[in-house]
Amino acid sequence: MLQSPVGWRKSSRSSQETNCVEVGRVVGGAAVRDTKDRSGGLLTTDHTQWRCFVLAIKTGRFDR
């Protein structure tokens, strides 16, 4: 059974915008959900996947 994520938070760069995602902690990884549709489901990753995703963001891999 999936553990309920705890500690949901959104980026401080989002300010008052609603077009963002929230990240919560789960055992061994992270969960992500849409701020505007919190009951619409979530995506979970393990620790390694999350670390690689964050590194890709920080190094500009997803920049247009």
Protein backbone atom coordinates (compact mmCIF):
# COMPACT_ATOMS: atom_id res chain seq x y z
CA MET A 1 0.00 0.00 0.00
CA LEU A 2 1.24 3.47 -0.88
CA GLN A 3 2.30 5.59 2.05
CA SER A 4 0.53 8.95 2.24
CA PRO A 5 2.98 11.73 1.35
CA VAL A 6 3.82 14.22 4.08
CA GLY A 7 5.26 17.71 4.14
CA TRP A 8 3.71 18.95 0.89
CA ARG A 9 5.34 22.15 -0.34
CA LYS A 10 5.60 24.22 -3.48
CA SER A 11 8.54 26.18 -4.79
CA SER A 12 9.13 29.59 -3.27
CA ARG A 13 9.63 30.76 -6.88
CA SER A 14 5.95 30.09 -7.51
CA SER A 15 4.95 33.06 -5.30
CA GLN A 16 1.17 33.36 -5.53
CA GLU A 17 0.88 31.54 -8.86
CA THR A 18 -1.42 28.53 -9.07
CA ASN A 19 0.30 26.94 -12.09
CA CYS A 20 2.72 24.86 -10.10
CA VAL A 21 3.25 21.48 -8.53
CA GLU A 22 3.76 20.43 -4.96
CA VAL A 23 6.29 17.93 -3.68
CA GLY A 24 5.76 15.67 -0.68
CA ARG A 25 7.97 13.12 1.03
CA VAL A 26 7.35 9.37 0.95
CA VAL A 27 9.53 6.63 2.34
CA GLY A 28 12.43 6.25 -0.08
CA GLY A 29 11.44 9.05 -2.45
CA ALA A 30 9.07 11.86 -3.34
CA ALA A 31 5.53 12.45 -4.57
CA VAL A 32 4.38 15.22 -6.93
CA ARG A 33 0.87 16.61 -7.45
CA ASP A 34 -0.84 19.51 -9.22
CA THR A 35 -1.52 22.41 -6.86
CA LYS A 36 -4.81 23.22 -8.64
CA ASP A 37 -6.09 19.62 -8.50
CA ARG A 38 -4.75 18.08 -5.31
CA SER A 39 -7.28 15.25 -5.41
CA GLY A 40 -6.41 14.41 -9.03
CA GLY A 41 -3.70 11.92 -8.14
CA LEU A 42 0.02 12.03 -7.72
CA LEU A 43 3.24 10.75 -9.20
CA THR A 44 5.76 8.97 -6.99
CA THR A 45 9.47 8.41 -7.55
CA ASP A 46 12.16 6.61 -5.63
CA HIS A 47 15.12 8.48 -4.18
CA THR A 48 17.41 7.83 -7.17
CA GLN A 49 14.82 8.94 -9.74
CA TRP A 50 14.07 12.11 -7.76
CA ARG A 51 17.76 12.96 -7.39
CA CYS A 52 18.32 12.55 -11.15
CA PHE A 53 15.27 14.68 -11.94
CA VAL A 54 16.38 17.52 -9.66
CA LEU A 55 19.92 17.38 -11.08
CA ALA A 56 18.52 17.60 -14.62
CA ILE A 57 16.54 20.70 -13.66
CA LYS A 58 19.53 22.34 -11.98
CA THR A 59 21.78 21.71 -14.98
CA GLY A 60 19.28 23.12 -17.48
CA ARG A 61 18.37 19.88 -19.23
CA PHE A 62 14.74 20.98 -19.58
CA ASP A 63 15.41 24.59 -20.56
CA ARG A 64 13.93 25.62 -23.88
